[in-house]
Amino acid sequence: MIRVTRLNGDQFALNPDLIEKVEAHPDTVAFLVDGTKYVVRESVDEVLQEICEYRAGILAISYAMDRGTYRPHVPEQQQDIGDSSVVPFPIREER
């Protein structure tokens, strides 16, 4: 999810996989595949940058999981709970 801001200042998360296009006329409008439109404060370039960073983050985490080096961030209030609820990624056997 990417974080964007409504014109009134409220932030919300938007699934970038559902964005069909982003236009500026003059406000930035994100059009979703289902026809929903969101007017946001960010420029088209900022929305595109957020999408790129979101997708790069997915690739980086996937790579770390594959290498066995991924350590999920655990918020402080959950550190006392014990083991993470993240399902471990299967370990590949070396051939």
PDB file of N, CA and C in Angstrom:
ATOM      1  N   MET A   1       0.838  -1.166   0.000  1.00  0.00           N
ATOM      2  CA  MET A   1       0.000   0.000   0.000  1.00  0.00           C
ATOM      3  C   MET A   1       0.895   1.246   0.000  1.00  0.00           C
ATOM      4  N   ILE A   2       0.430   2.256  -0.688  1.00  0.00           N
ATOM      5  CA  ILE A   2       1.143   3.533  -0.664  1.00  0.00           C
ATOM      6  C   ILE A   2       0.305   4.528   0.118  1.00  0.00           C
ATOM      7  N   ARG A   3       0.969   5.477   0.747  1.00  0.00           N
ATOM      8  CA  ARG A   3       0.281   6.484   1.535  1.00  0.00           C
ATOM      9  C   ARG A   3       0.135   7.752   0.695  1.00  0.00           C
ATOM     10  N   VAL A   4      -1.094   8.244   0.602  1.00  0.00           N
ATOM     11  CA  VAL A   4      -1.377   9.485  -0.119  1.00  0.00           C
ATOM     12  C   VAL A   4      -2.233  10.375   0.770  1.00  0.00           C
ATOM     13  N   THR A   5      -2.377  11.627   0.363  1.00  0.00           N
ATOM     14  CA  THR A   5      -3.073  12.615   1.188  1.00  0.00           C
ATOM     15  C   THR A   5      -4.228  13.242   0.423  1.00  0.00           C
ATOM     16  N   ARG A   6      -5.390  13.247   1.048  1.00  0.00           N
ATOM     17  CA  ARG A   6      -6.544  13.936   0.460  1.00  0.00           C
ATOM     18  C   ARG A   6      -6.296  15.445   0.508  1.00  0.00           C
ATOM     19  N   LEU A   7      -7.071  16.204  -0.225  1.00  0.00           N
ATOM     20  CA  LEU A   7      -6.903  17.660  -0.230  1.00  0.00           C
ATOM     21  C   LEU A   7      -7.154  18.271   1.146  1.00  0.00           C
ATOM     22  N   ASN A   8      -7.972  17.613   1.981  1.00  0.00           N
ATOM     23  CA  ASN A   8      -8.255  18.143   3.323  1.00  0.00           C
ATOM     24  C   ASN A   8      -7.167  17.782   4.337  1.00  0.00           C
ATOM     25  N   GLY A   9      -6.126  17.042   3.899  1.00  0.00           N
ATOM     26  CA  GLY A   9      -5.008  16.705   4.773  1.00  0.00           C
ATOM     27  C   GLY A   9      -5.060  15.310   5.352  1.00  0.00           C
ATOM     28  N   ASP A  10      -6.172  14.608   5.216  1.00  0.00           N
ATOM     29  CA  ASP A  10      -6.271  13.242   5.726  1.00  0.00           C
ATOM     30  C   ASP A  10      -5.440  12.297   4.871  1.00  0.00           C
ATOM     31  N   GLN A  11      -4.660  11.450   5.533  1.00  0.00           N
ATOM     32  CA  GLN A  11      -3.866  10.459   4.806  1.00  0.00           C
ATOM     33  C   GLN A  11      -4.622   9.142   4.752  1.00  0.00           C
ATOM     34  N   PHE A  12      -4.400   8.411   3.670  1.00  0.00           N
ATOM     35  CA  PHE A  12      -4.971   7.077   3.559  1.00  0.00           C
ATOM     36  C   PHE A  12      -4.051   6.223   2.707  1.00  0.00           C
ATOM     37  N   ALA A  13      -4.261   4.912   2.782  1.00  0.00           N
ATOM     38  CA  ALA A  13      -3.437   3.969   2.035  1.00  0.00           C
ATOM     39  C   ALA A  13      -4.197   3.529   0.797  1.00  0.00           C
ATOM     40  N   LEU A  14      -3.466   3.408  -0.295  1.00  0.00           N
ATOM     41  CA  LEU A  14      -4.051   3.050  -1.575  1.00  0.00           C
ATOM     42  C   LEU A  14      -3.259   1.883  -2.155  1.00  0.00           C
ATOM     43  N   ASN A  15      -3.979   0.891  -2.655  1.00  0.00           N
ATOM     44  CA  ASN A  15      -3.334  -0.274  -3.249  1.00  0.00           C
ATOM     45  C   ASN A  15      -2.845   0.093  -4.651  1.00  0.00           C
ATOM     46  N   PRO A  16      -1.533   0.174  -4.860  1.00  0.00           N
ATOM     47  CA  PRO A  16      -1.023   0.605  -6.164  1.00  0.00           C
ATOM     48  C   PRO A  16      -1.309  -0.384  -7.287  1.00  0.00           C
ATOM     49  N   ASP A  17      -1.615  -1.633  -6.936  1.00  0.00           N
ATOM     50  CA  ASP A  17      -1.929  -2.619  -7.969  1.00  0.00           C
ATOM     51  C   ASP A  17      -3.294  -2.359  -8.600  1.00  0.00           C
ATOM     52  N   LEU A  18      -4.117  -1.538  -7.955  1.00  0.00           N
ATOM     53  CA  LEU A  18      -5.445  -1.219  -8.485  1.00  0.00           C
ATOM     54  C   LEU A  18      -5.479   0.102  -9.244  1.00  0.00           C
ATOM     55  N   ILE A  19      -4.340   0.809  -9.287  1.00  0.00           N
ATOM     56  CA  ILE A  19      -4.290   2.091  -9.982  1.00  0.00           C
ATOM     57  C   ILE A  19      -4.131   1.854 -11.480  1.00  0.00           C
ATOM     58  N   GLU A  20      -5.073   2.394 -12.252  1.00  0.00           N
ATOM     59  CA  GLU A  20      -5.001   2.271 -13.706  1.00  0.00           C
ATOM     60  C   GLU A  20      -4.184   3.408 -14.299  1.00  0.00           C
ATOM     61  N   LYS A  21      -4.447   4.632 -13.804  1.00  0.00           N
ATOM     62  CA  LYS A  21      -3.682   5.788 -14.288  1.00  0.00           C
ATOM     63  C   LYS A  21      -3.727   6.893 -13.246  1.00  0.00           C
ATOM     64  N   VAL A  22      -2.781   7.816 -13.364  1.00  0.00           N
ATOM     65  CA  VAL A  22      -2.703   8.989 -12.495  1.00  0.00           C
ATOM     66  C   VAL A  22      -2.542  10.189 -13.411  1.00  0.00           C
ATOM     67  N   GLU A  23      -3.418  11.180 -13.231  1.00  0.00           N
ATOM     68  CA  GLU A  23      -3.380  12.377 -14.076  1.00  0.00           C
ATOM     69  C   GLU A  23      -3.394  13.631 -13.211  1.00  0.00           C
ATOM     70  N   ALA A  24      -2.908  14.711 -13.796  1.00  0.00           N
ATOM     71  CA  ALA A  24      -2.972  16.019 -13.134  1.00  0.00           C
ATOM     72  C   ALA A  24      -3.817  16.936 -14.000  1.00  0.00           C
ATOM     73  N   HIS A  25      -4.966  17.379 -13.443  1.00  0.00           N
ATOM     74  CA  HIS A  25      -5.808  18.309 -14.203  1.00  0.00           C
ATOM     75  C   HIS A  25      -6.615  19.188 -13.284  1.00  0.00           C
ATOM     76  N   PRO A  26      -6.137  20.256 -12.706  1.00  0.00           N
ATOM     77  CA  PRO A  26      -4.759  20.468 -12.253  1.00  0.00           C
ATOM     78  C   PRO A  26      -4.448  19.662 -11.003  1.00  0.00           C
ATOM     79  N   ASP A  27      -5.495  19.254 -10.246  1.00  0.00           N
ATOM     80  CA  ASP A  27      -5.225  18.394  -9.085  1.00  0.00           C
ATOM     81  C   ASP A  27      -4.863  16.989  -9.568  1.00  0.00           C
ATOM     82  N   THR A  28      -4.083  16.286  -8.759  1.00  0.00           N
ATOM     83  CA  THR A  28      -3.698  14.928  -9.109  1.00  0.00           C
ATOM     84  C   THR A  28      -4.858  13.986  -8.802  1.00  0.00           C
ATOM     85  N   VAL A  29      -5.226  13.192  -9.793  1.00  0.00           N
ATOM     86  CA  VAL A  29      -6.320  12.233  -9.638  1.00  0.00           C
ATOM     87  C   VAL A  29      -5.791  10.841  -9.955  1.00  0.00           C
ATOM     88  N   ALA A  30      -6.020   9.908  -9.017  1.00  0.00           N
ATOM     89  CA  ALA A  30      -5.674   8.507  -9.231  1.00  0.00           C
ATOM     90  C   ALA A  30      -6.950   7.778  -9.631  1.00  0.00           C
ATOM     91  N   PHE A  31      -6.934   7.145 -10.788  1.00  0.00           N
ATOM     92  CA  PHE A  31      -8.071   6.387 -11.298  1.00  0.00           C
ATOM     93  C   PHE A  31      -7.800   4.906 -11.050  1.00  0.00           C
ATOM     94  N   LEU A  32      -8.712   4.245 -10.380  1.00  0.00           N
ATOM     95  CA  LEU A  32      -8.563   2.819 -10.124  1.00  0.00           C
ATOM     96  C   LEU A  32      -9.236   2.012 -11.222  1.00  0.00           C
ATOM     97  N   VAL A  33      -8.898   0.739 -11.299  1.00  0.00           N
ATOM     98  CA  VAL A  33      -9.438  -0.118 -12.346  1.00  0.00           C
ATOM     99  C   VAL A  33     -10.950  -0.289 -12.240  1.00  0.00           C
ATOM    100  N   ASP A  34     -11.532  -0.071 -11.058  1.00  0.00           N
ATOM    101  CA  ASP A  34     -12.981  -0.210 -10.899  1.00  0.00           C
ATOM    102  C   ASP A  34     -13.736   1.095 -11.151  1.00  0.00           C
ATOM    103  N   GLY A  35     -13.008   2.136 -11.590  1.00  0.00           N
ATOM    104  CA  GLY A  35     -13.634   3.409 -11.896  1.00  0.00           C
ATOM    105  C   GLY A  35     -13.598   4.431 -10.765  1.00  0.00           C
ATOM    106  N   THR A  36     -13.156   4.015  -9.572  1.00  0.00           N
ATOM    107  CA  THR A  36     -13.047   4.934  -8.445  1.00  0.00           C
ATOM    108  C   THR A  36     -11.970   5.967  -8.736  1.00  0.00           C
ATOM    109  N   LYS A  37     -12.218   7.214  -8.314  1.00  0.00           N
ATOM    110  CA  LYS A  37     -11.248   8.297  -8.501  1.00  0.00           C
ATOM    111  C   LYS A  37     -10.897   8.880  -7.139  1.00  0.00           C
ATOM    112  N   TYR A  38      -9.626   9.141  -6.925  1.00  0.00           N
ATOM    113  CA  TYR A  38      -9.160   9.787  -5.700  1.00  0.00           C
ATOM    114  C   TYR A  38      -8.364  11.021  -6.078  1.00  0.00           C
ATOM    115  N   VAL A  39      -8.748  12.162  -5.530  1.00  0.00           N
ATOM    116  CA  VAL A  39      -7.997  13.405  -5.707  1.00  0.00           C
ATOM    117  C   VAL A  39      -7.023  13.497  -4.538  1.00  0.00           C
ATOM    118  N   VAL A  40      -5.735  13.657  -4.854  1.00  0.00           N
ATOM    119  CA  VAL A  40      -4.708  13.658  -3.813  1.00  0.00           C
ATOM    120  C   VAL A  40      -3.812  14.890  -3.938  1.00  0.00           C
ATOM    121  N   ARG A  41      -3.157  15.225  -2.829  1.00  0.00           N
ATOM    122  CA  ARG A  41      -2.247  16.387  -2.802  1.00  0.00           C
ATOM    123  C   ARG A  41      -0.946  16.136  -3.551  1.00  0.00           C
ATOM    124  N   GLU A  42      -0.481  14.900  -3.542  1.00  0.00           N
ATOM    125  CA  GLU A  42       0.807  14.576  -4.152  1.00  0.00           C
ATOM    126  C   GLU A  42       0.755  14.812  -5.660  1.00  0.00           C
ATOM    127  N   SER A  43       1.900  15.138  -6.226  1.00  0.00           N
ATOM    128  CA  SER A  43       1.987  15.296  -7.680  1.00  0.00           C
ATOM    129  C   SER A  43       1.999  13.920  -8.340  1.00  0.00           C
ATOM    130  N   VAL A  44       1.818  13.896  -9.642  1.00  0.00           N
ATOM    131  CA  VAL A  44       1.882  12.636 -10.387  1.00  0.00           C
ATOM    132  C   VAL A  44       3.245  11.982 -10.159  1.00  0.00           C
ATOM    133  N   ASP A  45       4.311  12.765 -10.236  1.00  0.00           N
ATOM    134  CA  ASP A  45       5.658  12.216 -10.037  1.00  0.00           C
ATOM    135  C   ASP A  45       5.833  11.625  -8.640  1.00  0.00           C
ATOM    136  N   GLU A  46       5.262  12.277  -7.627  1.00  0.00           N
ATOM    137  CA  GLU A  46       5.357  11.754  -6.260  1.00  0.00           C
ATOM    138  C   GLU A  46       4.597  10.435  -6.122  1.00  0.00           C
ATOM    139  N   VAL A  47       3.423  10.341  -6.727  1.00  0.00           N
ATOM    140  CA  VAL A  47       2.655   9.088  -6.677  1.00  0.00           C
ATOM    141  C   VAL A  47       3.434   7.983  -7.385  1.00  0.00           C
ATOM    142  N   LEU A  48       3.992   8.283  -8.547  1.00  0.00           N
ATOM    143  CA  LEU A  48       4.779   7.288  -9.274  1.00  0.00           C
ATOM    144  C   LEU A  48       6.003   6.850  -8.473  1.00  0.00           C
ATOM    145  N   GLN A  49       6.647   7.793  -7.788  1.00  0.00           N
ATOM    146  CA  GLN A  49       7.804   7.469  -6.950  1.00  0.00           C
ATOM    147  C   GLN A  49       7.389   6.547  -5.803  1.00  0.00           C
ATOM    148  N   GLU A  50       6.241   6.826  -5.178  1.00  0.00           N
ATOM    149  CA  GLU A  50       5.733   5.965  -4.099  1.00  0.00           C
ATOM    150  C   GLU A  50       5.486   4.545  -4.605  1.00  0.00           C
ATOM    151  N   ILE A  51       4.913   4.442  -5.805  1.00  0.00           N
ATOM    152  CA  ILE A  51       4.647   3.127  -6.391  1.00  0.00           C
ATOM    153  C   ILE A  51       5.957   2.385  -6.654  1.00  0.00           C
ATOM    154  N   CYS A  52       6.945   3.076  -7.199  1.00  0.00           N
ATOM    155  CA  CYS A  52       8.254   2.462  -7.461  1.00  0.00           C
ATOM    156  C   CYS A  52       8.902   1.976  -6.166  1.00  0.00           C
ATOM    157  N   GLU A  53       8.853   2.800  -5.110  1.00  0.00           N
ATOM    158  CA  GLU A  53       9.448   2.425  -3.830  1.00  0.00           C
ATOM    159  C   GLU A  53       8.702   1.248  -3.201  1.00  0.00           C
ATOM    160  N   TYR A  54       7.381   1.240  -3.330  1.00  0.00           N
ATOM    161  CA  TYR A  54       6.572   0.137  -2.812  1.00  0.00           C
ATOM    162  C   TYR A  54       6.981  -1.171  -3.490  1.00  0.00           C
ATOM    163  N   ARG A  55       7.074  -1.145  -4.808  1.00  0.00           N
ATOM    164  CA  ARG A  55       7.410  -2.371  -5.548  1.00  0.00           C
ATOM    165  C   ARG A  55       8.863  -2.787  -5.305  1.00  0.00           C
ATOM    166  N   ALA A  56       9.761  -1.818  -5.186  1.00  0.00           N
ATOM    167  CA  ALA A  56      11.158  -2.141  -4.882  1.00  0.00           C
ATOM    168  C   ALA A  56      11.258  -2.775  -3.496  1.00  0.00           C
ATOM    169  N   GLY A  57      10.453  -2.297  -2.559  1.00  0.00           N
ATOM    170  CA  GLY A  57      10.439  -2.873  -1.212  1.00  0.00           C
ATOM    171  C   GLY A  57       9.983  -4.319  -1.224  1.00  0.00           C
ATOM    172  N   ILE A  58       8.982  -4.625  -2.039  1.00  0.00           N
ATOM    173  CA  ILE A  58       8.509  -6.003  -2.157  1.00  0.00           C
ATOM    174  C   ILE A  58       9.625  -6.895  -2.697  1.00  0.00           C
ATOM    175  N   LEU A  59      10.315  -6.409  -3.734  1.00  0.00           N
ATOM    176  CA  LEU A  59      11.414  -7.194  -4.303  1.00  0.00           C
ATOM    177  C   LEU A  59      12.550  -7.385  -3.296  1.00  0.00           C
ATOM    178  N   ALA A  60      12.864  -6.341  -2.540  1.00  0.00           N
ATOM    179  CA  ALA A  60      13.945  -6.430  -1.555  1.00  0.00           C
ATOM    180  C   ALA A  60      13.596  -7.421  -0.451  1.00  0.00           C
ATOM    181  N   ILE A  61      12.363  -7.390   0.032  1.00  0.00           N
ATOM    182  CA  ILE A  61      11.945  -8.323   1.078  1.00  0.00           C
ATOM    183  C   ILE A  61      11.922  -9.745   0.533  1.00  0.00           C
ATOM    184  N   SER A  62      11.437  -9.901  -0.684  1.00  0.00           N
ATOM    185  CA  SER A  62      11.409 -11.222  -1.307  1.00  0.00           C
ATOM    186  C   SER A  62      12.821 -11.787  -1.443  1.00  0.00           C
ATOM    187  N   TYR A  63      13.756 -10.944  -1.862  1.00  0.00           N
ATOM    188  CA  TYR A  63      15.149 -11.379  -1.995  1.00  0.00           C
ATOM    189  C   TYR A  63      15.712 -11.775  -0.632  1.00  0.00           C
ATOM    190  N   ALA A  64      15.444 -10.958   0.394  1.00  0.00           N
ATOM    191  CA  ALA A  64      15.944 -11.268   1.730  1.00  0.00           C
ATOM    192  C   ALA A  64      15.335 -12.562   2.259  1.00  0.00           C
ATOM    193  N   MET A  65      14.056 -12.788   1.986  1.00  0.00           N
ATOM    194  CA  MET A  65      13.411 -14.040   2.415  1.00  0.00           C
ATOM    195  C   MET A  65      14.049 -15.236   1.716  1.00  0.00           C
ATOM    196  N   ASP A  66      14.309 -15.077   0.433  1.00  0.00           N
ATOM    197  CA  ASP A  66      14.916 -16.153  -0.340  1.00  0.00           C
ATOM    198  C   ASP A  66      16.315 -16.481   0.177  1.00  0.00           C
ATOM    199  N   ARG A  67      17.048 -15.465   0.585  1.00  0.00           N
ATOM    200  CA  ARG A  67      18.415 -15.655   1.096  1.00  0.00           C
ATOM    201  C   ARG A  67      18.425 -16.095   2.555  1.00  0.00           C
ATOM    202  N   GLY A  68      17.259 -16.016   3.226  1.00  0.00           N
ATOM    203  CA  GLY A  68      17.187 -16.382   4.641  1.00  0.00           C
ATOM    204  C   GLY A  68      17.662 -15.295   5.569  1.00  0.00           C
ATOM    205  N   THR A  69      17.741 -14.050   5.077  1.00  0.00           N
ATOM    206  CA  THR A  69      18.236 -12.942   5.903  1.00  0.00           C
ATOM    207  C   THR A  69      17.148 -11.981   6.330  1.00  0.00           C
ATOM    208  N   TYR A  70      15.888 -12.282   6.001  1.00  0.00           N
ATOM    209  CA  TYR A  70      14.787 -11.362   6.322  1.00  0.00           C
ATOM    210  C   TYR A  70      14.456 -11.427   7.799  1.00  0.00           C
ATOM    211  N   ARG A  71      14.397 -10.289   8.437  1.00  0.00           N
ATOM    212  CA  ARG A  71      13.981 -10.168   9.829  1.00  0.00           C
ATOM    213  C   ARG A  71      12.869  -9.134   9.874  1.00  0.00           C
ATOM    214  N   PRO A  72      11.616  -9.571  10.101  1.00  0.00           N
ATOM    215  CA  PRO A  72      10.500  -8.625  10.093  1.00  0.00           C
ATOM    216  C   PRO A  72      10.601  -7.614  11.226  1.00  0.00           C
ATOM    217  N   HIS A  73      10.131  -6.416  10.946  1.00  0.00           N
ATOM    218  CA  HIS A  73      10.080  -5.369  11.970  1.00  0.00           C
ATOM    219  C   HIS A  73       8.955  -5.704  12.930  1.00  0.00           C
ATOM    220  N   VAL A  74       9.263  -5.746  14.224  1.00  0.00           N
ATOM    221  CA  VAL A  74       8.244  -6.017  15.232  1.00  0.00           C
ATOM    222  C   VAL A  74       8.043  -4.749  16.042  1.00  0.00           C
ATOM    223  N   PRO A  75       6.825  -4.164  16.003  1.00  0.00           N
ATOM    224  CA  PRO A  75       6.578  -2.956  16.803  1.00  0.00           C
ATOM    225  C   PRO A  75       6.836  -3.230  18.284  1.00  0.00           C
ATOM    226  N   GLU A  76       7.244  -2.203  19.025  1.00  0.00           N
ATOM    227  CA  GLU A  76       7.613  -2.355  20.431  1.00  0.00           C
ATOM    228  C   GLU A  76       6.518  -3.007  21.259  1.00  0.00           C
ATOM    229  N   GLN A  77       5.258  -2.642  21.022  1.00  0.00           N
ATOM    230  CA  GLN A  77       4.172  -3.184  21.831  1.00  0.00           C
ATOM    231  C   GLN A  77       3.956  -4.674  21.588  1.00  0.00           C
ATOM    232  N   GLN A  78       4.495  -5.237  20.496  1.00  0.00           N
ATOM    233  CA  GLN A  78       4.343  -6.655  20.212  1.00  0.00           C
ATOM    234  C   GLN A  78       5.584  -7.463  20.567  1.00  0.00           C
ATOM    235  N   GLN A  79       6.663  -6.817  20.992  1.00  0.00           N
ATOM    236  CA  GLN A  79       7.902  -7.537  21.259  1.00  0.00           C
ATOM    237  C   GLN A  79       7.766  -8.493  22.438  1.00  0.00           C
ATOM    238  N   ASP A  80       6.896  -8.193  23.377  1.00  0.00           N
ATOM    239  CA  ASP A  80       6.729  -9.047  24.540  1.00  0.00           C
ATOM    240  C   ASP A  80       5.825 -10.236  24.268  1.00  0.00           C
ATOM    241  N   ILE A  81       5.161 -10.276  23.143  1.00  0.00           N
ATOM    242  CA  ILE A  81       4.227 -11.348  22.831  1.00  0.00           C
ATOM    243  C   ILE A  81       4.967 -12.654  22.566  1.00  0.00           C
ATOM    244  N   GLY A  82       6.143 -12.586  22.066  1.00  0.00           N
ATOM    245  CA  GLY A  82       6.897 -13.798  21.776  1.00  0.00           C
ATOM    246  C   GLY A  82       7.201 -13.908  20.309  1.00  0.00           C
ATOM    247  N   ASP A  83       7.051 -15.097  19.771  1.00  0.00           N
ATOM    248  CA  ASP A  83       7.377 -15.347  18.370  1.00  0.00           C
ATOM    249  C   ASP A  83       6.515 -14.514  17.447  1.00  0.00           C
ATOM    250  N   SER A  84       7.098 -14.164  16.314  1.00  0.00           N
ATOM    251  CA  SER A  84       6.389 -13.394  15.294  1.00  0.00           C
ATOM    252  C   SER A  84       5.294 -14.249  14.686  1.00  0.00           C
ATOM    253  N   SER A  85       4.235 -13.596  14.217  1.00  0.00           N
ATOM    254  CA  SER A  85       3.153 -14.327  13.569  1.00  0.00           C
ATOM    255  C   SER A  85       3.436 -14.561  12.090  1.00  0.00           C
ATOM    256  N   VAL A  86       4.606 -14.124  11.618  1.00  0.00           N
ATOM    257  CA  VAL A  86       4.961 -14.303  10.211  1.00  0.00           C
ATOM    258  C   VAL A  86       5.307 -15.767   9.970  1.00  0.00           C
ATOM    259  N   VAL A  87       4.702 -16.350   8.968  1.00  0.00           N
ATOM    260  CA  VAL A  87       4.983 -17.740   8.627  1.00  0.00           C
ATOM    261  C   VAL A  87       6.364 -17.797   7.992  1.00  0.00           C
ATOM    262  N   PRO A  88       7.246 -18.698   8.483  1.00  0.00           N
ATOM    263  CA  PRO A  88       8.597 -18.747   7.924  1.00  0.00           C
ATOM    264  C   PRO A  88       8.589 -19.188   6.471  1.00  0.00           C
ATOM    265  N   PHE A  89       9.502 -18.631   5.731  1.00  0.00           N
ATOM    266  CA  PHE A  89       9.652 -18.967   4.322  1.00  0.00           C
ATOM    267  C   PHE A  89      10.379 -20.308   4.235  1.00  0.00           C
ATOM    268  N   PRO A  90       9.971 -21.196   3.329  1.00  0.00           N
ATOM    269  CA  PRO A  90      10.669 -22.499   3.239  1.00  0.00           C
ATOM    270  C   PRO A  90      12.140 -22.315   2.879  1.00  0.00           C
ATOM    271  N   ILE A  91      12.978 -23.105   3.480  1.00  0.00           N
ATOM    272  CA  ILE A  91      14.420 -23.035   3.228  1.00  0.00           C
ATOM    273  C   ILE A  91      14.752 -23.934   2.043  1.00  0.00           C
ATOM    274  N   ARG A  92      15.467 -23.368   1.099  1.00  0.00           N
ATOM    275  CA  ARG A  92      15.893 -24.145  -0.057  1.00  0.00           C
ATOM    276  C   ARG A  92      17.102 -24.994   0.294  1.00  0.00           C
ATOM    277  N   GLU A  93      17.093 -26.201  -0.200  1.00  0.00           N
ATOM    278  CA  GLU A  93      18.246 -27.053   0.001  1.00  0.00           C
ATOM    279  C   GLU A  93      19.244 -26.782  -1.124  1.00  0.00           C
ATOM    280  N   GLU A  94      20.527 -26.678  -0.764  1.00  0.00           N
ATOM    281  CA  GLU A  94      21.575 -26.469  -1.756  1.00  0.00           C
ATOM    282  C   GLU A  94      21.771 -27.757  -2.532  1.00  0.00           C
ATOM    283  N   ARG A  95      21.982 -27.632  -3.823  1.00  0.00           N
ATOM    284  CA  ARG A  95      22.208 -28.820  -4.655  1.00  0.00           C
ATOM    285  C   ARG A  95      23.643 -28.944  -5.015  1.00  0.00           C
TER     286      ARG A  95
END
